[in-house]
Amino acid sequence: MSEELIKSVQEMLNEEKWTRETISSYTKNNFIELGSKIEAAVNENCISEVKGFCDEYLKHTRNSIIALYISGMLGLKEKSLDNSAITELVTIFIDNKKTPVVEYLCEKILDEDETNKFALRTLADCYKETNNEQIWEIYAAIVRLDLEEAEIAKLLAEHYKELGDTETSVEYYKKALMRFVARKENSHIKEVWSELIKLIPEEIDFFYLVQRK
């Protein structure tokens, strides 16, 4: 069955080569259609064969959208450490300002790997551009995964303060403060320290802890 599937992928690649569909004409529907090939590779237990075929094709046609997507998504399903194909694909659409496509691709990446930092940060940029309220969930995931991320922790603290959720706001202000301290960014330290003094003046032990850092 893998031979038939590879043959059908080859036909799609040949059509791509001859029609030369432009980046600007791509929508997420194009990738939904490609999803059937990925599902077939999974169901027929031939992920490696199909991915290998696409990887070989990319050696000669490095900007093939179809090959990059199929290879990239199958790589994620294999838990491969090399995500260069899907990253390159997303970057192509970022460069061409195709935000809806970038959002879709990042969401598909996160379906397979919810800890993918590239997809999280790229999706956050998209959500910021489109004023999508889901950005706060993405920001929370970034802060949870990247233990050096301080600016976004501060943004989350300010967001929850505006919502009146003091407990969550304090949690993120503390994270931001400790991370700014680790980076010795004095202006940010002073700003966040002042906010926490107003919110939790009774937590003397915490402030002593920060001073010892």
N, C-alpha and C. Protein backbone atom coordinates (compact mmCIF):
# COMPACT_ATOMS: atom_id res chain seq x y z
N MET A 1 0.83 -1.22 0.00
CA MET A 1 0.00 0.00 0.00
C MET A 1 0.86 1.27 0.00
N SER A 2 2.04 1.18 0.60
CA SER A 2 2.89 2.37 0.65
C SER A 2 3.28 2.83 -0.75
N GLU A 3 3.44 1.85 -1.67
CA GLU A 3 3.80 2.21 -3.04
C GLU A 3 2.71 3.07 -3.69
N GLU A 4 1.45 2.68 -3.46
CA GLU A 4 0.34 3.44 -4.02
C GLU A 4 0.27 4.84 -3.43
N LEU A 5 0.49 4.92 -2.12
CA LEU A 5 0.45 6.22 -1.46
C LEU A 5 1.58 7.12 -1.96
N ILE A 6 2.78 6.56 -2.06
CA ILE A 6 3.91 7.34 -2.56
C ILE A 6 3.66 7.79 -4.01
N LYS A 7 3.05 6.91 -4.79
CA LYS A 7 2.72 7.27 -6.17
C LYS A 7 1.75 8.45 -6.21
N SER A 8 0.76 8.44 -5.32
CA SER A 8 -0.22 9.54 -5.30
C SER A 8 0.44 10.84 -4.84
N VAL A 9 1.39 10.74 -3.88
CA VAL A 9 2.13 11.93 -3.45
C VAL A 9 2.99 12.45 -4.60
N GLN A 10 3.62 11.52 -5.34
CA GLN A 10 4.43 11.90 -6.49
C GLN A 10 3.59 12.66 -7.52
N GLU A 11 2.37 12.20 -7.73
CA GLU A 11 1.49 12.87 -8.69
C GLU A 11 1.17 14.29 -8.23
N MET A 12 0.95 14.45 -6.93
CA MET A 12 0.68 15.78 -6.39
C MET A 12 1.90 16.70 -6.55
N LEU A 13 3.08 16.14 -6.34
CA LEU A 13 4.30 16.92 -6.49
C LEU A 13 4.53 17.32 -7.94
N ASN A 14 4.22 16.41 -8.85
CA ASN A 14 4.35 16.73 -10.28
C ASN A 14 3.39 17.85 -10.67
N GLU A 15 2.17 17.77 -10.16
CA GLU A 15 1.17 18.81 -10.45
C GLU A 15 1.62 20.15 -9.88
N GLU A 16 2.17 20.09 -8.65
CA GLU A 16 2.69 21.32 -8.03
C GLU A 16 3.77 21.95 -8.90
N LYS A 17 4.63 21.11 -9.43
CA LYS A 17 5.76 21.60 -10.24
C LYS A 17 5.26 22.27 -11.52
N TRP A 18 4.24 21.67 -12.14
CA TRP A 18 3.79 22.18 -13.43
C TRP A 18 2.84 23.36 -13.28
N THR A 19 2.01 23.35 -12.26
CA THR A 19 1.05 24.45 -12.10
C THR A 19 1.71 25.66 -11.45
N ARG A 20 2.81 25.41 -10.67
CA ARG A 20 3.53 26.50 -10.00
C ARG A 20 2.58 27.42 -9.22
N GLU A 21 1.74 26.80 -8.40
CA GLU A 21 0.79 27.57 -7.60
C GLU A 21 1.56 28.54 -6.69
N THR A 22 1.13 29.78 -6.68
CA THR A 22 1.86 30.79 -5.92
C THR A 22 1.53 30.71 -4.43
N ILE A 23 2.46 31.18 -3.62
CA ILE A 23 2.27 31.19 -2.17
C ILE A 23 1.01 31.97 -1.80
N SER A 24 0.78 33.06 -2.50
CA SER A 24 -0.36 33.94 -2.18
C SER A 24 -1.70 33.25 -2.37
N SER A 25 -1.73 32.20 -3.19
CA SER A 25 -3.01 31.52 -3.45
C SER A 25 -3.31 30.41 -2.45
N TYR A 26 -2.34 30.09 -1.58
CA TYR A 26 -2.55 29.00 -0.61
C TYR A 26 -3.47 29.45 0.52
N THR A 27 -4.37 28.53 0.90
CA THR A 27 -5.21 28.73 2.08
C THR A 27 -5.08 27.48 2.95
N LYS A 28 -5.67 27.53 4.13
CA LYS A 28 -5.58 26.37 5.01
C LYS A 28 -6.28 25.15 4.40
N ASN A 29 -7.22 25.38 3.47
CA ASN A 29 -7.91 24.26 2.82
C ASN A 29 -6.94 23.39 2.03
N ASN A 30 -5.91 24.00 1.47
CA ASN A 30 -4.89 23.22 0.75
C ASN A 30 -4.24 22.21 1.69
N PHE A 31 -3.99 22.63 2.93
CA PHE A 31 -3.33 21.76 3.89
C PHE A 31 -4.30 20.73 4.48
N ILE A 32 -5.57 21.10 4.57
CA ILE A 32 -6.57 20.13 5.00
C ILE A 32 -6.62 18.97 4.00
N GLU A 33 -6.53 19.30 2.71
CA GLU A 33 -6.51 18.26 1.67
C GLU A 33 -5.27 17.37 1.80
N LEU A 34 -4.14 18.00 2.07
CA LEU A 34 -2.90 17.22 2.25
C LEU A 34 -2.96 16.33 3.48
N GLY A 35 -3.80 16.71 4.42
CA GLY A 35 -3.93 15.91 5.64
C GLY A 35 -4.34 14.48 5.37
N SER A 36 -5.06 14.25 4.27
CA SER A 36 -5.50 12.89 3.96
C SER A 36 -4.30 11.98 3.66
N LYS A 37 -3.24 12.54 3.05
CA LYS A 37 -2.03 11.76 2.76
C LYS A 37 -1.30 11.42 4.05
N ILE A 38 -1.29 12.37 4.96
CA ILE A 38 -0.63 12.14 6.26
C ILE A 38 -1.37 11.07 7.04
N GLU A 39 -2.71 11.17 7.07
CA GLU A 39 -3.51 10.17 7.77
C GLU A 39 -3.32 8.79 7.15
N ALA A 40 -3.23 8.74 5.82
CA ALA A 40 -3.04 7.46 5.14
C ALA A 40 -1.69 6.85 5.52
N ALA A 41 -0.66 7.67 5.59
CA ALA A 41 0.67 7.17 5.96
C ALA A 41 0.66 6.60 7.37
N VAL A 42 -0.09 7.24 8.25
CA VAL A 42 -0.21 6.75 9.63
C VAL A 42 -0.99 5.44 9.65
N ASN A 43 -2.13 5.43 8.98
CA ASN A 43 -3.00 4.24 9.00
C ASN A 43 -2.36 3.03 8.33
N GLU A 44 -1.50 3.28 7.34
CA GLU A 44 -0.87 2.18 6.61
C GLU A 44 0.53 1.85 7.15
N ASN A 45 0.88 2.50 8.29
CA ASN A 45 2.16 2.23 8.95
C ASN A 45 3.36 2.42 8.00
N CYS A 46 3.31 3.48 7.23
CA CYS A 46 4.42 3.73 6.30
C CYS A 46 4.90 5.18 6.41
N ILE A 47 4.90 5.70 7.62
CA ILE A 47 5.33 7.08 7.85
C ILE A 47 6.76 7.29 7.34
N SER A 48 7.66 6.40 7.73
CA SER A 48 9.08 6.56 7.36
C SER A 48 9.28 6.54 5.86
N GLU A 49 8.55 5.66 5.16
CA GLU A 49 8.71 5.56 3.72
C GLU A 49 8.24 6.84 3.01
N VAL A 50 7.06 7.33 3.41
CA VAL A 50 6.51 8.53 2.77
C VAL A 50 7.36 9.75 3.12
N LYS A 51 7.75 9.85 4.38
CA LYS A 51 8.60 10.97 4.80
C LYS A 51 9.95 10.93 4.05
N GLY A 52 10.51 9.74 3.95
CA GLY A 52 11.79 9.59 3.26
C GLY A 52 11.69 10.00 1.80
N PHE A 53 10.58 9.66 1.16
CA PHE A 53 10.36 10.05 -0.23
C PHE A 53 10.31 11.57 -0.36
N CYS A 54 9.57 12.22 0.56
CA CYS A 54 9.47 13.68 0.53
C CYS A 54 10.82 14.34 0.84
N ASP A 55 11.55 13.77 1.77
CA ASP A 55 12.87 14.32 2.11
C ASP A 55 13.82 14.26 0.91
N GLU A 56 13.75 13.15 0.19
CA GLU A 56 14.60 13.00 -1.00
C GLU A 56 14.20 14.03 -2.06
N TYR A 57 12.90 14.24 -2.21
CA TYR A 57 12.40 15.21 -3.18
C TYR A 57 12.87 16.63 -2.82
N LEU A 58 12.91 16.92 -1.52
CA LEU A 58 13.30 18.25 -1.06
C LEU A 58 14.78 18.56 -1.31
N LYS A 59 15.58 17.52 -1.51
CA LYS A 59 17.00 17.75 -1.82
C LYS A 59 17.15 18.46 -3.16
N HIS A 60 16.16 18.26 -4.04
CA HIS A 60 16.23 18.85 -5.39
C HIS A 60 15.24 20.01 -5.56
N THR A 61 14.16 20.00 -4.76
CA THR A 61 13.13 21.04 -4.86
C THR A 61 12.84 21.51 -3.44
N ARG A 62 13.74 22.31 -2.91
CA ARG A 62 13.75 22.60 -1.46
C ARG A 62 12.57 23.45 -0.98
N ASN A 63 11.88 24.15 -1.90
CA ASN A 63 10.76 24.99 -1.48
C ASN A 63 9.40 24.39 -1.82
N SER A 64 9.36 23.08 -2.02
CA SER A 64 8.08 22.43 -2.32
C SER A 64 7.17 22.50 -1.08
N ILE A 65 6.06 23.19 -1.22
CA ILE A 65 5.12 23.34 -0.10
C ILE A 65 4.57 21.98 0.32
N ILE A 66 4.21 21.18 -0.67
CA ILE A 66 3.62 19.86 -0.39
C ILE A 66 4.61 18.97 0.34
N ALA A 67 5.83 18.89 -0.18
CA ALA A 67 6.83 18.01 0.44
C ALA A 67 7.22 18.50 1.83
N LEU A 68 7.34 19.80 2.00
CA LEU A 68 7.68 20.35 3.32
C LEU A 68 6.60 20.03 4.34
N TYR A 69 5.34 20.16 3.93
CA TYR A 69 4.25 19.90 4.86
C TYR A 69 4.14 18.42 5.24
N ILE A 70 4.16 17.57 4.22
CA ILE A 70 4.03 16.14 4.51
C ILE A 70 5.22 15.64 5.33
N SER A 71 6.43 16.03 4.93
CA SER A 71 7.62 15.62 5.68
C SER A 71 7.59 16.17 7.10
N GLY A 72 7.23 17.45 7.22
CA GLY A 72 7.22 18.10 8.53
C GLY A 72 6.22 17.48 9.48
N MET A 73 5.01 17.25 9.02
CA MET A 73 3.97 16.69 9.88
C MET A 73 4.26 15.24 10.23
N LEU A 74 4.79 14.48 9.27
CA LEU A 74 5.13 13.09 9.58
C LEU A 74 6.31 13.03 10.55
N GLY A 75 7.23 13.99 10.43
CA GLY A 75 8.33 14.07 11.39
C GLY A 75 7.83 14.30 12.80
N LEU A 76 6.81 15.16 12.93
CA LEU A 76 6.22 15.41 14.25
C LEU A 76 5.55 14.15 14.79
N LYS A 77 4.90 13.41 13.90
CA LYS A 77 4.26 12.18 14.35
C LYS A 77 5.28 11.13 14.77
N GLU A 78 6.46 11.17 14.17
CA GLU A 78 7.54 10.26 14.55
C GLU A 78 8.31 10.75 15.78
N LYS A 79 7.93 11.95 16.28
CA LYS A 79 8.64 12.57 17.41
C LYS A 79 10.11 12.84 17.04
N SER A 80 10.33 13.20 15.78
CA SER A 80 11.68 13.50 15.32
C SER A 80 12.20 14.77 15.97
N LEU A 81 13.50 14.79 16.25
CA LEU A 81 14.13 15.99 16.83
C LEU A 81 14.39 17.05 15.76
N ASP A 82 14.33 16.65 14.50
CA ASP A 82 14.56 17.57 13.39
C ASP A 82 13.22 18.08 12.87
N ASN A 83 12.88 19.31 13.24
CA ASN A 83 11.62 19.92 12.78
C ASN A 83 11.86 20.97 11.70
N SER A 84 12.99 20.87 11.02
CA SER A 84 13.38 21.92 10.08
C SER A 84 12.40 22.08 8.92
N ALA A 85 11.79 20.99 8.47
CA ALA A 85 10.88 21.07 7.31
C ALA A 85 9.65 21.91 7.66
N ILE A 86 9.01 21.60 8.78
CA ILE A 86 7.79 22.33 9.12
C ILE A 86 8.12 23.75 9.54
N THR A 87 9.28 23.95 10.17
CA THR A 87 9.69 25.31 10.54
C THR A 87 9.94 26.16 9.31
N GLU A 88 10.60 25.57 8.31
CA GLU A 88 10.87 26.29 7.06
C GLU A 88 9.57 26.64 6.36
N LEU A 89 8.61 25.71 6.39
CA LEU A 89 7.31 25.95 5.75
C LEU A 89 6.60 27.13 6.40
N VAL A 90 6.54 27.12 7.73
CA VAL A 90 5.88 28.22 8.45
C VAL A 90 6.57 29.54 8.14
N THR A 91 7.90 29.53 8.10
CA THR A 91 8.67 30.75 7.83
C THR A 91 8.35 31.30 6.44
N ILE A 92 8.16 30.42 5.47
CA ILE A 92 7.80 30.86 4.11
C ILE A 92 6.51 31.67 4.15
N PHE A 93 5.52 31.18 4.91
CA PHE A 93 4.23 31.86 4.96
C PHE A 93 4.27 33.10 5.85
N ILE A 94 5.15 33.11 6.84
CA ILE A 94 5.37 34.33 7.63
C ILE A 94 5.92 35.42 6.71
N ASP A 95 6.93 35.06 5.93
CA ASP A 95 7.57 36.02 5.04
C ASP A 95 6.59 36.58 4.00
N ASN A 96 5.60 35.77 3.66
CA ASN A 96 4.60 36.20 2.67
C ASN A 96 3.33 36.76 3.32
N LYS A 97 3.41 36.97 4.65
CA LYS A 97 2.33 37.62 5.41
C LYS A 97 0.98 36.91 5.23
N LYS A 98 1.03 35.59 5.26
CA LYS A 98 -0.19 34.78 5.17
C LYS A 98 -0.58 34.31 6.58
N THR A 99 -1.06 35.26 7.38
CA THR A 99 -1.32 35.00 8.79
C THR A 99 -2.30 33.85 9.04
N PRO A 100 -3.42 33.76 8.33
CA PRO A 100 -4.35 32.64 8.59
C PRO A 100 -3.69 31.27 8.35
N VAL A 101 -2.84 31.19 7.33
CA VAL A 101 -2.14 29.93 7.06
C VAL A 101 -1.12 29.64 8.16
N VAL A 102 -0.41 30.68 8.59
CA VAL A 102 0.57 30.51 9.67
C VAL A 102 -0.12 30.02 10.93
N GLU A 103 -1.26 30.62 11.26
CA GLU A 103 -2.03 30.19 12.44
C GLU A 103 -2.40 28.71 12.32
N TYR A 104 -2.92 28.33 11.18
CA TYR A 104 -3.35 26.94 10.98
C TYR A 104 -2.18 25.99 11.14
N LEU A 105 -1.05 26.31 10.52
CA LEU A 105 0.12 25.43 10.58
C LEU A 105 0.63 25.30 12.02
N CYS A 106 0.67 26.42 12.73
CA CYS A 106 1.15 26.37 14.12
C CYS A 106 0.20 25.56 15.00
N GLU A 107 -1.09 25.70 14.77
CA GLU A 107 -2.07 24.92 15.53
C GLU A 107 -1.91 23.42 15.25
N LYS A 108 -1.62 23.08 14.00
CA LYS A 108 -1.39 21.66 13.65
C LYS A 108 -0.12 21.14 14.32
N ILE A 109 0.91 21.97 14.35
CA ILE A 109 2.16 21.57 15.03
C ILE A 109 1.88 21.30 16.50
N LEU A 110 1.12 22.20 17.14
CA LEU A 110 0.84 22.07 18.57
C LEU A 110 -0.09 20.90 18.87
N ASP A 111 -0.89 20.49 17.90
CA ASP A 111 -1.70 19.28 18.08
C ASP A 111 -0.81 18.06 18.27
N GLU A 112 0.35 18.09 17.62
CA GLU A 112 1.29 16.97 17.71
C GLU A 112 2.32 17.16 18.84
N ASP A 113 2.68 18.42 19.09
CA ASP A 113 3.70 18.71 20.09
C ASP A 113 3.36 20.02 20.79
N GLU A 114 2.65 19.90 21.92
CA GLU A 114 2.15 21.10 22.60
C GLU A 114 3.27 21.92 23.25
N THR A 115 4.50 21.38 23.26
CA THR A 115 5.62 22.10 23.86
C THR A 115 6.53 22.74 22.80
N ASN A 116 6.10 22.76 21.57
CA ASN A 116 6.93 23.32 20.50
C ASN A 116 7.03 24.84 20.65
N LYS A 117 8.19 25.32 21.08
CA LYS A 117 8.36 26.74 21.39
C LYS A 117 8.24 27.62 20.15
N PHE A 118 8.76 27.13 19.02
CA PHE A 118 8.66 27.91 17.78
C PHE A 118 7.19 28.15 17.42
N ALA A 119 6.38 27.10 17.47
CA ALA A 119 4.97 27.23 17.12
C ALA A 119 4.23 28.12 18.12
N LEU A 120 4.54 27.98 19.40
CA LEU A 120 3.88 28.79 20.43
C LEU A 120 4.17 30.28 20.23
N ARG A 121 5.44 30.61 20.03
CA ARG A 121 5.80 32.02 19.88
C ARG A 121 5.27 32.60 18.57
N THR A 122 5.30 31.79 17.51
CA THR A 122 4.77 32.26 16.23
C THR A 122 3.27 32.47 16.31
N LEU A 123 2.58 31.53 16.97
CA LEU A 123 1.13 31.66 17.12
C LEU A 123 0.78 32.86 17.98
N ALA A 124 1.59 33.12 19.00
CA ALA A 124 1.37 34.30 19.84
C ALA A 124 1.46 35.57 18.99
N ASP A 125 2.43 35.63 18.09
CA ASP A 125 2.57 36.79 17.21
C ASP A 125 1.33 36.95 16.32
N CYS A 126 0.83 35.82 15.82
CA CYS A 126 -0.38 35.87 14.97
C CYS A 126 -1.58 36.35 15.77
N TYR A 127 -1.76 35.80 16.96
CA TYR A 127 -2.90 36.18 17.79
C TYR A 127 -2.83 37.64 18.20
N LYS A 128 -1.61 38.14 18.42
CA LYS A 128 -1.44 39.56 18.75
C LYS A 128 -1.88 40.43 17.57
N GLU A 129 -1.50 39.99 16.38
CA GLU A 129 -1.84 40.74 15.17
C GLU A 129 -3.35 40.78 14.93
N THR A 130 -4.04 39.68 15.28
CA THR A 130 -5.48 39.57 15.01
C THR A 130 -6.33 39.84 16.24
N ASN A 131 -5.70 40.27 17.34
CA ASN A 131 -6.41 40.55 18.60
C ASN A 131 -7.22 39.35 19.10
N ASN A 132 -6.62 38.18 18.97
CA ASN A 132 -7.27 36.94 19.41
C ASN A 132 -7.04 36.76 20.91
N GLU A 133 -8.14 36.63 21.67
CA GLU A 133 -8.03 36.52 23.13
C GLU A 133 -7.33 35.22 23.57
N GLN A 134 -7.23 34.27 22.68
CA GLN A 134 -6.52 33.02 23.02
C GLN A 134 -5.03 33.24 23.25
N ILE A 135 -4.57 34.45 22.96
CA ILE A 135 -3.16 34.76 23.15
C ILE A 135 -2.72 34.54 24.59
N TRP A 136 -3.64 34.74 25.54
CA TRP A 136 -3.26 34.61 26.95
C TRP A 136 -2.97 33.16 27.32
N GLU A 137 -3.68 32.24 26.69
CA GLU A 137 -3.40 30.81 26.90
C GLU A 137 -2.03 30.46 26.33
N ILE A 138 -1.72 31.02 25.18
CA ILE A 138 -0.42 30.77 24.54
C ILE A 138 0.70 31.38 25.37
N TYR A 139 0.49 32.60 25.85
CA TYR A 139 1.48 33.24 26.70
C TYR A 139 1.75 32.40 27.95
N ALA A 140 0.69 31.88 28.55
CA ALA A 140 0.85 31.07 29.76
C ALA A 140 1.68 29.82 29.47
N ALA A 141 1.46 29.22 28.31
CA ALA A 141 2.24 28.04 27.92
C ALA A 141 3.71 28.39 27.72
N ILE A 142 3.96 29.54 27.11
CA ILE A 142 5.35 29.98 26.88
C ILE A 142 6.07 30.18 28.21
N VAL A 143 5.41 30.87 29.14
CA VAL A 143 6.02 31.14 30.45
C VAL A 143 6.27 29.84 31.20
N ARG A 144 5.36 28.89 31.05
CA ARG A 144 5.52 27.60 31.72
C ARG A 144 6.71 26.81 31.17
N LEU A 145 6.93 26.93 29.86
CA LEU A 145 7.98 26.13 29.21
C LEU A 145 9.34 26.81 29.23
N ASP A 146 9.35 28.13 29.08
CA ASP A 146 10.60 28.88 29.01
C ASP A 146 10.84 29.55 30.35
N LEU A 147 11.72 28.96 31.15
CA LEU A 147 11.93 29.44 32.52
C LEU A 147 12.74 30.73 32.58
N GLU A 148 13.15 31.26 31.44
CA GLU A 148 13.85 32.55 31.41
C GLU A 148 12.95 33.67 30.89
N GLU A 149 11.77 33.32 30.42
CA GLU A 149 10.87 34.32 29.85
C GLU A 149 10.27 35.20 30.95
N ALA A 150 10.63 36.46 30.96
CA ALA A 150 10.16 37.39 32.00
C ALA A 150 9.15 38.41 31.47
N GLU A 151 9.38 38.92 30.27
CA GLU A 151 8.51 39.97 29.74
C GLU A 151 7.07 39.49 29.59
N ILE A 152 6.91 38.26 29.10
CA ILE A 152 5.55 37.74 28.91
C ILE A 152 4.91 37.43 30.27
N ALA A 153 5.71 36.99 31.23
CA ALA A 153 5.18 36.79 32.59
C ALA A 153 4.63 38.10 33.14
N LYS A 154 5.35 39.19 32.88
CA LYS A 154 4.89 40.52 33.33
C LYS A 154 3.60 40.91 32.61
N LEU A 155 3.52 40.64 31.29
CA LEU A 155 2.29 40.92 30.55
C LEU A 155 1.10 40.17 31.13
N LEU A 156 1.32 38.91 31.48
CA LEU A 156 0.25 38.10 32.08
C LEU A 156 -0.16 38.67 33.43
N ALA A 157 0.82 39.10 34.22
CA ALA A 157 0.53 39.69 35.52
C ALA A 157 -0.35 40.93 35.37
N GLU A 158 -0.01 41.78 34.42
CA GLU A 158 -0.78 43.00 34.18
C GLU A 158 -2.18 42.68 33.67
N HIS A 159 -2.27 41.67 32.82
CA HIS A 159 -3.56 41.24 32.27
C HIS A 159 -4.50 40.78 33.39
N TYR A 160 -4.00 39.91 34.25
CA TYR A 160 -4.85 39.38 35.32
C TYR A 160 -5.15 40.44 36.39
N LYS A 161 -4.26 41.40 36.54
CA LYS A 161 -4.53 42.52 37.45
C LYS A 161 -5.72 43.33 36.94
N GLU A 162 -5.74 43.58 35.62
CA GLU A 162 -6.86 44.31 35.02
C GLU A 162 -8.17 43.55 35.17
N LEU A 163 -8.08 42.22 35.14
CA LEU A 163 -9.29 41.40 35.28
C LEU A 163 -9.76 41.29 36.73
N GLY A 164 -8.92 41.76 37.65
CA GLY A 164 -9.27 41.68 39.06
C GLY A 164 -8.90 40.36 39.71
N ASP A 165 -8.12 39.56 39.01
CA ASP A 165 -7.67 38.26 39.54
C ASP A 165 -6.31 38.48 40.20
N THR A 166 -6.35 38.96 41.45
CA THR A 166 -5.12 39.33 42.14
C THR A 166 -4.20 38.13 42.37
N GLU A 167 -4.78 36.99 42.71
CA GLU A 167 -3.96 35.81 43.01
C GLU A 167 -3.12 35.40 41.80
N THR A 168 -3.75 35.31 40.63
CA THR A 168 -3.01 34.93 39.42
C THR A 168 -2.03 36.02 39.02
N SER A 169 -2.44 37.27 39.19
CA SER A 169 -1.56 38.38 38.87
C SER A 169 -0.29 38.33 39.72
N VAL A 170 -0.43 38.10 41.00
CA VAL A 170 0.72 38.01 41.90
C VAL A 170 1.63 36.85 41.50
N GLU A 171 1.02 35.73 41.12
CA GLU A 171 1.80 34.56 40.70
C GLU A 171 2.73 34.91 39.54
N TYR A 172 2.19 35.64 38.55
CA TYR A 172 3.00 35.99 37.38
C TYR A 172 3.97 37.13 37.68
N TYR A 173 3.58 38.05 38.54
CA TYR A 173 4.52 39.10 38.93
C TYR A 173 5.74 38.48 39.63
N LYS A 174 5.50 37.48 40.47
CA LYS A 174 6.61 36.81 41.17
C LYS A 174 7.54 36.12 40.17
N LYS A 175 6.95 35.43 39.21
CA LYS A 175 7.77 34.77 38.18
C LYS A 175 8.60 35.80 37.42
N ALA A 176 7.94 36.89 37.04
CA ALA A 176 8.64 37.93 36.28
C ALA A 176 9.78 38.52 37.11
N LEU A 177 9.51 38.79 38.38
CA LEU A 177 10.53 39.40 39.22
C LEU A 177 11.75 38.49 39.36
N MET A 178 11.53 37.24 39.68
CA MET A 178 12.65 36.31 39.86
C MET A 178 13.46 36.17 38.58
N ARG A 179 12.81 36.21 37.44
CA ARG A 179 13.51 36.07 36.17
C ARG A 179 14.27 37.34 35.80
N PHE A 180 13.69 38.49 36.10
CA PHE A 180 14.41 39.75 35.88
C PHE A 180 15.62 39.84 36.80
N VAL A 181 15.47 39.34 38.03
CA VAL A 181 16.59 39.34 38.97
C VAL A 181 17.72 38.47 38.43
N ALA A 182 17.36 37.30 37.90
CA ALA A 182 18.37 36.39 37.36
C ALA A 182 19.11 37.03 36.19
N ARG A 183 18.41 37.91 35.46
CA ARG A 183 19.02 38.58 34.31
C ARG A 183 19.62 39.94 34.69
N LYS A 184 19.47 40.32 35.97
CA LYS A 184 20.02 41.58 36.48
C LYS A 184 19.53 42.80 35.70
N GLU A 185 18.23 42.79 35.38
CA GLU A 185 17.63 43.90 34.65
C GLU A 185 16.97 44.84 35.66
N ASN A 186 17.75 45.79 36.14
CA ASN A 186 17.36 46.60 37.29
C ASN A 186 16.10 47.43 37.09
N SER A 187 15.92 48.00 35.91
CA SER A 187 14.74 48.84 35.69
C SER A 187 13.46 48.01 35.81
N HIS A 188 13.48 46.80 35.24
CA HIS A 188 12.32 45.91 35.34
C HIS A 188 12.14 45.42 36.77
N ILE A 189 13.24 45.14 37.43
CA ILE A 189 13.17 44.66 38.82
C ILE A 189 12.45 45.70 39.69
N LYS A 190 12.85 46.95 39.54
CA LYS A 190 12.26 48.02 40.35
C LYS A 190 10.76 48.15 40.08
N GLU A 191 10.39 48.07 38.81
CA GLU A 191 8.98 48.23 38.42
C GLU A 191 8.12 47.11 39.01
N VAL A 192 8.57 45.86 38.85
CA VAL A 192 7.77 44.72 39.32
C VAL A 192 7.77 44.66 40.85
N TRP A 193 8.91 44.97 41.45
CA TRP A 193 9.01 45.02 42.92
C TRP A 193 7.97 45.99 43.49
N SER A 194 7.86 47.15 42.87
CA SER A 194 6.91 48.16 43.33
C SER A 194 5.47 47.66 43.25
N GLU A 195 5.15 46.93 42.16
CA GLU A 195 3.80 46.39 42.01
C GLU A 195 3.51 45.36 43.11
N LEU A 196 4.48 44.50 43.37
CA LEU A 196 4.27 43.46 44.37
C LEU A 196 4.17 44.03 45.79
N ILE A 197 4.92 45.08 46.05
CA ILE A 197 4.83 45.73 47.37
C ILE A 197 3.40 46.21 47.63
N LYS A 198 2.76 46.71 46.57
CA LYS A 198 1.38 47.18 46.70
C LYS A 198 0.41 46.02 46.90
N LEU A 199 0.69 44.91 46.20
CA LEU A 199 -0.26 43.78 46.19
C LEU A 199 -0.10 42.85 47.39
N ILE A 200 1.16 42.61 47.80
CA ILE A 200 1.39 41.65 48.90
C ILE A 200 2.40 42.22 49.91
N PRO A 201 2.09 43.36 50.52
CA PRO A 201 3.05 43.96 51.47
C PRO A 201 3.35 43.07 52.67
N GLU A 202 2.45 42.14 52.94
CA GLU A 202 2.62 41.28 54.11
C GLU A 202 3.60 40.13 53.89
N GLU A 203 3.96 39.85 52.64
CA GLU A 203 4.83 38.71 52.36
C GLU A 203 6.31 39.10 52.46
N ILE A 204 6.70 39.44 53.66
CA ILE A 204 8.07 39.92 53.91
C ILE A 204 9.12 38.87 53.52
N ASP A 205 8.83 37.61 53.81
CA ASP A 205 9.81 36.56 53.53
C ASP A 205 10.14 36.47 52.04
N PHE A 206 9.12 36.69 51.21
CA PHE A 206 9.37 36.64 49.76
C PHE A 206 10.34 37.74 49.34
N PHE A 207 10.14 38.94 49.87
CA PHE A 207 11.00 40.07 49.49
C PHE A 207 12.43 39.88 50.01
N TYR A 208 12.55 39.29 51.20
CA TYR A 208 13.88 38.97 51.71
C TYR A 208 14.58 37.95 50.80
N LEU A 209 13.79 36.97 50.32
CA LEU A 209 14.32 35.94 49.41
C LEU A 209 14.86 36.60 48.14
N VAL A 210 14.10 37.53 47.59
CA VAL A 210 14.51 38.19 46.36
C VAL A 210 15.79 38.99 46.60
N GLN A 211 15.88 39.65 47.74
CA GLN A 211 17.03 40.47 48.06
C GLN A 211 18.32 39.63 48.15
N ARG A 212 18.15 38.38 48.54
CA ARG A 212 19.33 37.50 48.69
C ARG A 212 19.81 36.96 47.35
N LYS A 213 19.02 37.11 46.30
CA LYS A 213 19.39 36.57 44.99
C LYS A 213 20.54 37.36 44.37
